[in-house]
Amino acid sequence: MRTTTAALSRGLAGPFSVEPIQVADPVGDEVLVRVVAVGVCHTDLTGRLASALGAPVLLGHEGAGVVEEVGPDVTGIRPGDHVVLSFRSCGRCGRCVAGRPAYCAEWQALNAFGRRGDGSPMVCAGGRPVMAGFFGQSSFAGYALAHQDNVVVVDPGVDLAVAAPFGCGFQTGAGAVLNVLRPDESSTVVVYGTGSVGLAGLLAAHGSGARTIAVNPSAPRRELALRLGATHALDPTGIDVAAAIADLTGGGSTHALDTTGVPAVIASAVKALAPTGTAVVVGLGLAELTVDVLDLLYGGKTLRGCVEGDAVPQTFIPHLLDLYAAGRLPVDQLITTFPLAQINEAVAAQQAGEVVKAVLMPEMPC
C-alpha cells in the first residue's frame, strides 16, 4: 500500500480536491507506476459525471512515469522502466487480434471505472474506496495502478512531460492523420478545431509534407496554427468555409480532420472535400449528423470515425516519440506544466484557451 496525493472529483459543480489517498499493491497483471506527468484531457472532465454515484472519483488517463512494482503475472515490464500509460484492450477479441485494439469488444468494461476480480479496492481515501481504474490507470495522483496491456515502455531519455499526452490526446490527433488519412506531399489536410488533438494532427500532417489549413474562430489559436506550419488559418465566423477552402485549394481538400464533434462543422468538412477525399471524425458531439448523400456518393467521398488514432499504443507511441526526437512532431510547443496541486488552475486555463495542453506534475512544487 502506497500513500500519496491525488486530485479527486467529489462532485460536478465543485473544484477538484487535492488530498491523500492509499494505492494498493499490484496483483496479477497490475503495474504500479510512480506518476511523473499526466495530461489533462476533455474526457477527464466528462468523466466527473461518475461522481454523481456518490463515491469520490479519481480520473486521469494520460499518465507517464516510472514503474515501481509489478504483479506476479506481468512479463516484459520491470521496476525502473519509464512508461507511458494508454487505453486498455483485451488482446483476445477479433479486432484486437487483427491489430485494431481501439475497437476492442471489451473497450467499455476495461476503460470505464474498474474493479478487481476479488472486489478489493484499488484506491482508498479516508478509509473508503474511491472510484478508480479510469482507462486502466486513474493517474491524477502520485501513483497509479495500470495493467500490462496499457503500459508502454519508452526510452528513459524521453521527457515524460512531453510523452504523457501521447497516451490519448496526441495519439488521437496524430494517429488519425498518420494511420487513417495518410497524407503525402500532394495532399491538403484541413483541421477543424485547433485544440491539442487538432494541433497534434496538424503537426503530423505538416511533418508528412502535406499542405495544412486550420479552421478555428479563435484568433490566438489561428495564429498558433500558422506558427506551427499551417499554410492558412480560417475564421469560420460568417463565411462559407467550404467555398473558402475550394478557393484556396482549387477545388477542395484531399483530407479533413474534425475534432469539434459539431454536426454542422462535420457536414461542412465533407462538403469541402475534393472528389474521392476523406474526412475523419475524432470528437464527441451530438449523435445525429446530416450530410449531402448525393455529394458523398457522386464525389466518391469517405466519412469515417476514429478512436485513439487507430493505434496500437505499444508500437505507435514509441514511433511518435521518435518523430518528436527527430523534430518532425514538435508537440512540446503545445504543453504547459502545472503542479498537480494546481489542477483547478490548469483546468481553468485550458478551458479558457490560455494553454493548449495542460500537463500536471505530481512531484513539481507549488
Protein backbone atom coordinates (compact mmCIF):
# COMPACT_ATOMS: atom_id res chain seq x y z
CA MET A 1 0.00 0.00 0.00
CA ARG A 2 1.35 3.43 -1.00
CA THR A 3 0.14 6.73 0.43
CA THR A 4 0.31 9.62 -1.99
CA THR A 5 -1.52 12.76 -3.07
CA ALA A 6 -4.31 12.75 -5.64
CA ALA A 7 -6.79 15.14 -7.25
CA LEU A 8 -10.25 13.72 -6.58
CA SER A 9 -13.60 14.77 -8.00
CA ARG A 10 -16.29 14.84 -5.35
CA GLY A 11 -18.99 16.42 -7.49
CA LEU A 12 -19.59 18.06 -10.84
CA ALA A 13 -20.00 21.59 -9.53
CA GLY A 14 -17.08 21.89 -7.14
CA PRO A 15 -13.35 22.00 -7.79
CA PHE A 16 -11.05 19.01 -7.72
CA SER A 17 -9.99 18.19 -4.17
CA VAL A 18 -6.28 17.53 -3.61
CA GLU A 19 -5.93 15.09 -0.75
CA PRO A 20 -4.10 11.95 0.43
CA ILE A 21 -5.05 8.53 -0.91
CA GLN A 22 -3.83 4.97 -0.46
CA VAL A 23 -2.99 2.94 -3.58
CA ALA A 24 -2.99 -0.85 -3.27
CA ASP A 25 0.00 -3.01 -4.09
CA PRO A 26 -0.16 -4.58 -7.57
CA VAL A 27 -1.62 -8.06 -8.04
CA GLY A 28 -2.00 -10.23 -11.14
CA ASP A 29 -1.19 -8.22 -14.29
CA GLU A 30 -1.17 -4.87 -12.49
CA VAL A 31 1.73 -2.43 -12.72
CA LEU A 32 2.32 0.21 -10.05
CA VAL A 33 3.68 3.40 -11.63
CA ARG A 34 5.11 6.45 -9.90
CA VAL A 35 3.46 9.18 -11.93
CA VAL A 36 5.82 11.89 -13.16
CA ALA A 37 3.39 13.64 -15.52
CA VAL A 38 -0.25 13.35 -16.59
CA GLY A 39 -2.12 15.29 -19.25
CA VAL A 40 -5.49 16.91 -18.71
CA CYS A 41 -8.00 15.77 -21.34
CA HIS A 42 -11.60 16.80 -22.02
CA THR A 43 -12.56 13.16 -21.40
CA ASP A 44 -11.34 13.51 -17.81
CA LEU A 45 -13.75 16.37 -17.28
CA THR A 46 -16.73 14.49 -18.72
CA GLY A 47 -15.71 11.53 -16.54
CA ARG A 48 -16.59 13.63 -13.49
CA LEU A 49 -20.21 12.62 -14.16
CA ALA A 50 -19.41 9.41 -12.27
CA SER A 51 -19.17 11.41 -9.05
CA ALA A 52 -22.97 11.61 -9.12
CA LEU A 53 -22.91 8.00 -7.90
CA GLY A 54 -21.68 9.20 -4.52
CA ALA A 55 -18.11 7.97 -4.17
CA PRO A 56 -15.12 10.22 -4.88
CA VAL A 57 -13.73 9.75 -8.40
CA LEU A 58 -10.08 9.52 -9.41
CA LEU A 59 -9.57 10.44 -13.07
CA GLY A 60 -6.52 10.92 -15.32
CA HIS A 61 -5.77 8.81 -18.37
CA GLU A 62 -2.64 10.32 -19.92
CA GLY A 63 -0.14 9.24 -17.31
CA ALA A 64 3.60 8.75 -17.68
CA GLY A 65 6.14 7.75 -15.08
CA VAL A 66 8.46 5.11 -13.69
CA VAL A 67 7.49 1.54 -12.81
CA GLU A 68 7.69 0.97 -9.06
CA GLU A 69 6.44 -2.61 -8.75
CA VAL A 70 4.74 -5.24 -10.91
CA GLY A 71 2.27 -8.03 -10.18
CA PRO A 72 3.32 -11.68 -10.46
CA ASP A 73 1.67 -12.18 -13.88
CA VAL A 74 3.47 -9.28 -15.59
CA THR A 75 6.13 -10.04 -18.19
CA GLY A 76 8.37 -7.68 -20.15
CA ILE A 77 7.90 -4.73 -17.78
CA ARG A 78 10.28 -4.21 -14.85
CA PRO A 79 10.71 -1.80 -11.95
CA GLY A 80 12.66 1.23 -13.15
CA ASP A 81 11.18 1.19 -16.68
CA HIS A 82 9.98 4.56 -17.96
CA VAL A 83 6.46 4.20 -19.31
CA VAL A 84 3.50 5.94 -20.92
CA LEU A 85 0.02 4.77 -19.91
CA SER A 86 -2.64 4.46 -22.60
CA PHE A 87 -6.00 2.76 -23.10
CA ARG A 88 -6.78 -0.87 -22.26
CA SER A 89 -7.76 -3.68 -24.63
CA CYS A 90 -8.44 -7.38 -24.10
CA GLY A 91 -5.98 -8.72 -26.69
CA ARG A 92 -8.30 -11.65 -27.42
CA CYS A 93 -11.27 -10.44 -29.46
CA GLY A 94 -11.24 -10.43 -33.25
CA ARG A 95 -10.46 -6.74 -33.55
CA CYS A 96 -7.59 -6.91 -31.07
CA VAL A 97 -6.13 -9.93 -32.84
CA ALA A 98 -6.43 -8.03 -36.13
CA GLY A 99 -4.36 -5.15 -34.72
CA ARG A 100 -7.33 -2.84 -34.01
CA PRO A 101 -7.32 -2.62 -30.19
CA ALA A 102 -9.01 0.81 -30.18
CA TYR A 103 -12.18 -1.04 -31.21
CA CYS A 104 -11.84 -3.84 -28.64
CA ALA A 105 -15.05 -5.73 -27.91
CA GLU A 106 -14.44 -5.15 -24.18
CA TRP A 107 -13.48 -1.48 -24.51
CA GLN A 108 -16.22 -0.12 -22.27
CA ALA A 109 -15.67 -2.59 -19.46
CA LEU A 110 -11.90 -2.17 -19.50
CA ASN A 111 -11.71 1.62 -19.78
CA ALA A 112 -14.56 2.71 -17.55
CA PHE A 113 -14.04 2.72 -13.79
CA GLY A 114 -12.92 -0.79 -12.89
CA ARG A 115 -12.94 -3.23 -10.03
CA ARG A 116 -10.63 -6.07 -9.26
CA GLY A 117 -11.97 -9.56 -9.70
CA ASP A 118 -11.94 -10.16 -5.95
CA GLY A 119 -13.78 -6.90 -5.29
CA SER A 120 -10.93 -5.31 -3.33
CA PRO A 121 -10.44 -1.56 -3.87
CA MET A 122 -7.51 -0.27 -5.89
CA VAL A 123 -7.59 3.14 -4.21
CA CYS A 124 -8.97 4.41 -0.90
CA ALA A 125 -9.32 7.87 0.64
CA GLY A 126 -10.11 8.32 4.31
CA GLY A 127 -10.55 4.57 4.64
CA ARG A 128 -13.25 4.40 1.93
CA PRO A 129 -12.99 3.09 -1.64
CA VAL A 130 -12.50 5.57 -4.47
CA MET A 131 -13.88 5.03 -7.96
CA ALA A 132 -10.65 4.31 -9.85
CA GLY A 133 -9.29 2.34 -12.77
CA PHE A 134 -10.26 5.04 -15.31
CA PHE A 135 -8.74 3.91 -18.62
CA GLY A 136 -6.98 1.30 -16.54
CA GLN A 137 -4.89 3.89 -14.68
CA SER A 138 -6.57 6.84 -12.85
CA SER A 139 -3.34 8.83 -12.97
CA PHE A 140 -4.26 12.18 -11.37
CA ALA A 141 -2.10 11.02 -8.46
CA GLY A 142 1.44 10.37 -7.34
CA TYR A 143 0.98 6.64 -8.01
CA ALA A 144 -1.26 4.81 -10.47
CA LEU A 145 -2.20 1.16 -10.83
CA ALA A 146 -2.13 0.26 -14.52
CA HIS A 147 -2.10 -3.08 -16.35
CA GLN A 148 0.34 -4.85 -18.60
CA ASP A 149 -1.88 -4.25 -21.64
CA ASN A 150 -1.94 -0.45 -21.28
CA VAL A 151 1.67 0.19 -20.23
CA VAL A 152 4.08 1.26 -22.98
CA VAL A 153 7.79 1.14 -22.18
CA VAL A 154 9.67 4.12 -23.62
CA ASP A 155 13.27 5.27 -23.82
CA PRO A 156 14.45 6.54 -20.40
CA GLY A 157 15.78 9.68 -22.05
CA VAL A 158 12.29 10.82 -23.10
CA ASP A 159 10.86 13.87 -21.34
CA LEU A 160 7.84 12.35 -19.60
CA ALA A 161 6.01 15.68 -19.51
CA VAL A 162 6.07 15.61 -23.31
CA ALA A 163 5.36 11.90 -23.52
CA ALA A 164 2.30 11.81 -21.25
CA PRO A 165 -0.28 13.26 -23.70
CA PHE A 166 0.70 10.62 -26.27
CA GLY A 167 -1.31 8.22 -24.12
CA CYS A 168 -4.52 9.65 -25.56
CA GLY A 169 -4.81 13.19 -26.98
CA PHE A 170 -1.69 13.45 -29.11
CA GLN A 171 -2.05 9.80 -30.14
CA THR A 172 -5.63 10.51 -31.25
CA GLY A 173 -4.81 13.53 -33.41
CA ALA A 174 -1.55 12.31 -34.88
CA GLY A 175 -2.90 8.79 -35.34
CA ALA A 176 -5.98 9.95 -37.21
CA VAL A 177 -3.64 11.63 -39.69
CA LEU A 178 -0.84 9.07 -39.92
CA ASN A 179 -2.87 5.86 -39.58
CA VAL A 180 -6.14 6.82 -41.28
CA LEU A 181 -5.70 9.80 -43.61
CA ARG A 182 -2.08 9.04 -44.56
CA PRO A 183 -1.37 12.28 -46.47
CA ASP A 184 1.74 12.96 -48.53
CA GLU A 185 3.36 15.92 -50.28
CA SER A 186 0.47 16.13 -52.78
CA SER A 187 -2.19 16.36 -50.05
CA THR A 188 -4.07 19.20 -48.42
CA VAL A 189 -5.31 18.45 -44.90
CA VAL A 190 -7.89 20.73 -43.27
CA VAL A 191 -8.05 20.55 -39.47
CA TYR A 192 -11.30 21.70 -37.87
CA GLY A 193 -10.68 22.71 -34.26
CA THR A 194 -7.20 23.55 -33.03
CA GLY A 195 -7.08 22.24 -29.50
CA SER A 196 -4.39 19.79 -28.51
CA VAL A 197 -5.84 16.95 -30.59
CA GLY A 198 -6.28 19.08 -33.70
CA LEU A 199 -2.86 20.67 -33.43
CA ALA A 200 -1.20 17.28 -32.92
CA GLY A 201 -2.93 16.22 -36.14
CA LEU A 202 -1.81 19.38 -37.90
CA LEU A 203 1.79 18.79 -36.83
CA ALA A 204 1.63 15.20 -38.05
CA ALA A 205 0.24 16.30 -41.41
CA HIS A 206 2.83 19.05 -41.75
CA GLY A 207 5.59 16.57 -40.89
CA SER A 208 4.30 14.32 -43.68
CA GLY A 209 4.85 17.11 -46.18
CA ALA A 210 1.16 17.92 -46.65
CA ARG A 211 -0.26 21.40 -47.02
CA THR A 212 -2.37 22.19 -43.94
CA ILE A 213 -5.28 24.55 -43.30
CA ALA A 214 -6.63 25.23 -39.80
CA VAL A 215 -10.22 26.30 -39.09
CA ASN A 216 -10.99 27.89 -35.71
CA PRO A 217 -12.88 31.00 -34.54
CA SER A 218 -10.14 31.85 -32.01
CA ALA A 219 -7.59 34.33 -33.36
CA PRO A 220 -4.79 33.20 -30.98
CA ARG A 221 -5.33 29.58 -32.00
CA ARG A 222 -5.25 30.50 -35.69
CA GLU A 223 -2.01 32.40 -35.12
CA LEU A 224 -0.54 29.41 -33.30
CA ALA A 225 -1.55 27.09 -36.15
CA LEU A 226 0.27 29.34 -38.60
CA ARG A 227 3.38 29.32 -36.40
CA LEU A 228 3.22 25.53 -36.36
CA GLY A 229 3.24 25.34 -40.14
CA ALA A 230 -0.33 25.78 -41.34
CA THR A 231 -0.48 27.33 -44.80
CA HIS A 232 -3.72 29.14 -43.98
CA ALA A 233 -5.91 29.60 -40.91
CA LEU A 234 -9.58 30.41 -41.45
CA ASP A 235 -12.05 32.09 -39.14
CA PRO A 236 -15.34 30.24 -39.84
CA THR A 237 -17.44 33.05 -38.42
CA GLY A 238 -19.75 34.46 -41.06
CA ILE A 239 -18.16 32.78 -44.08
CA ASP A 240 -18.84 29.75 -46.26
CA VAL A 241 -15.91 27.62 -45.12
CA ALA A 242 -16.34 25.04 -47.89
CA ALA A 243 -16.27 27.76 -50.55
CA ALA A 244 -13.20 29.37 -48.96
CA ILE A 245 -11.36 26.04 -48.94
CA ALA A 246 -12.35 25.39 -52.55
CA ASP A 247 -10.84 28.76 -53.48
CA LEU A 248 -7.62 28.08 -51.55
CA THR A 249 -7.15 24.59 -52.93
CA GLY A 250 -8.53 24.88 -56.43
CA GLY A 251 -11.44 22.54 -55.84
CA GLY A 252 -11.34 21.14 -52.32
CA SER A 253 -9.12 19.41 -49.79
CA THR A 254 -7.92 15.84 -50.10
CA HIS A 255 -8.33 15.18 -46.37
CA ALA A 256 -10.10 16.62 -43.34
CA LEU A 257 -9.78 16.04 -39.60
CA ASP A 258 -12.68 17.11 -37.38
CA THR A 259 -12.02 17.43 -33.66
CA THR A 260 -15.10 19.51 -32.83
CA GLY A 261 -17.86 16.89 -32.93
CA VAL A 262 -20.22 19.63 -34.18
CA PRO A 263 -22.57 18.20 -36.84
CA ALA A 264 -22.62 21.38 -38.94
CA VAL A 265 -18.83 21.54 -38.95
CA ILE A 266 -18.54 17.89 -39.96
CA ALA A 267 -21.03 18.39 -42.80
CA SER A 268 -19.05 21.41 -43.98
CA ALA A 269 -15.83 19.39 -43.82
CA VAL A 270 -17.31 16.73 -46.09
CA LYS A 271 -18.66 19.36 -48.47
CA ALA A 272 -15.21 20.98 -48.66
CA LEU A 273 -13.53 17.74 -49.76
CA ALA A 274 -12.43 17.31 -53.34
CA PRO A 275 -13.83 14.21 -55.09
CA THR A 276 -12.51 10.98 -53.51
CA GLY A 277 -11.40 12.90 -50.41
CA THR A 278 -11.62 11.53 -46.88
CA ALA A 279 -12.84 13.15 -43.66
CA VAL A 280 -12.22 11.56 -40.27
CA VAL A 281 -14.08 12.42 -37.08
CA VAL A 282 -12.44 12.08 -33.64
CA GLY A 283 -14.51 14.45 -31.48
CA LEU A 284 -17.57 13.54 -29.40
CA GLY A 285 -20.68 15.58 -30.11
CA LEU A 286 -24.36 15.17 -30.91
CA ALA A 287 -25.33 11.70 -32.01
CA GLU A 288 -27.01 12.67 -35.28
CA LEU A 289 -25.45 14.16 -38.40
CA THR A 290 -26.95 15.21 -41.73
CA VAL A 291 -24.76 15.02 -44.82
CA ASP A 292 -25.42 15.51 -48.52
CA VAL A 293 -25.62 11.89 -49.66
CA LEU A 294 -25.53 12.82 -53.34
CA ASP A 295 -22.29 14.73 -52.78
CA LEU A 296 -20.90 11.81 -50.77
CA LEU A 297 -21.94 9.27 -53.42
CA TYR A 298 -21.07 11.04 -56.65
CA GLY A 299 -17.94 12.58 -55.17
CA GLY A 300 -16.68 9.19 -54.03
CA LYS A 301 -16.01 10.75 -50.62
CA THR A 302 -15.35 8.92 -47.37
CA LEU A 303 -16.52 9.90 -43.89
CA ARG A 304 -15.37 7.72 -41.02
CA GLY A 305 -14.81 7.74 -37.30
CA CYS A 306 -11.57 7.09 -35.48
CA VAL A 307 -10.89 6.14 -31.85
CA GLU A 308 -7.46 6.68 -30.26
CA GLY A 309 -5.87 7.27 -33.64
CA ASP A 310 -6.49 3.67 -34.79
CA ALA A 311 -3.30 2.99 -32.85
CA VAL A 312 -1.57 0.03 -31.29
CA PRO A 313 -0.03 2.03 -28.42
CA GLN A 314 2.89 -0.32 -27.77
CA THR A 315 4.30 0.40 -31.25
CA PHE A 316 2.72 3.72 -32.21
CA ILE A 317 3.67 5.75 -29.13
CA PRO A 318 7.39 4.94 -29.49
CA HIS A 319 7.08 5.83 -33.19
CA LEU A 320 5.55 9.21 -32.34
CA LEU A 321 8.27 9.85 -29.77
CA ASP A 322 10.87 9.09 -32.44
CA LEU A 323 9.21 11.66 -34.71
CA TYR A 324 9.31 14.15 -31.83
CA ALA A 325 13.00 13.45 -31.21
CA ALA A 326 13.69 13.98 -34.91
CA GLY A 327 11.96 17.40 -34.85
CA ARG A 328 9.09 16.24 -37.05
CA LEU A 329 6.38 16.43 -34.35
CA PRO A 330 7.21 19.37 -32.04
CA VAL A 331 4.36 18.84 -29.59
CA ASP A 332 6.38 20.37 -26.76
CA GLN A 333 5.18 23.72 -28.14
CA LEU A 334 1.64 22.78 -27.10
CA ILE A 335 2.40 21.89 -23.46
CA THR A 336 2.23 23.96 -20.28
CA THR A 337 3.09 22.20 -17.00
CA PHE A 338 1.42 22.72 -13.62
CA PRO A 339 1.94 21.11 -10.21
CA LEU A 340 -0.75 18.50 -9.51
CA ALA A 341 -1.89 20.67 -6.60
CA GLN A 342 -2.83 23.37 -9.14
CA ILE A 343 -5.17 21.12 -11.13
CA ASN A 344 -8.06 23.56 -10.85
CA GLU A 345 -5.95 26.40 -12.24
CA ALA A 346 -4.74 24.09 -15.02
CA VAL A 347 -8.28 23.07 -16.00
CA ALA A 348 -9.46 26.69 -15.97
CA ALA A 349 -6.53 27.82 -18.14
CA GLN A 350 -7.14 25.02 -20.64
CA GLN A 351 -10.88 25.66 -20.83
CA ALA A 352 -10.26 29.38 -21.32
CA GLY A 353 -7.87 28.68 -24.19
CA GLU A 354 -4.95 30.23 -22.32
CA VAL A 355 -2.98 26.99 -22.70
CA VAL A 356 -3.32 24.26 -25.33
CA LYS A 357 -2.37 21.22 -23.28
CA ALA A 358 -2.07 21.29 -19.51
CA VAL A 359 0.20 18.62 -18.06
CA LEU A 360 0.18 18.00 -14.31
CA MET A 361 3.38 17.14 -12.46
CA PRO A 362 2.74 15.38 -9.12
CA GLU A 363 6.28 15.99 -7.88
CA MET A 364 6.52 19.63 -9.01
CA PRO A 365 6.47 22.02 -6.02
CA CYS A 366 3.81 24.69 -5.99
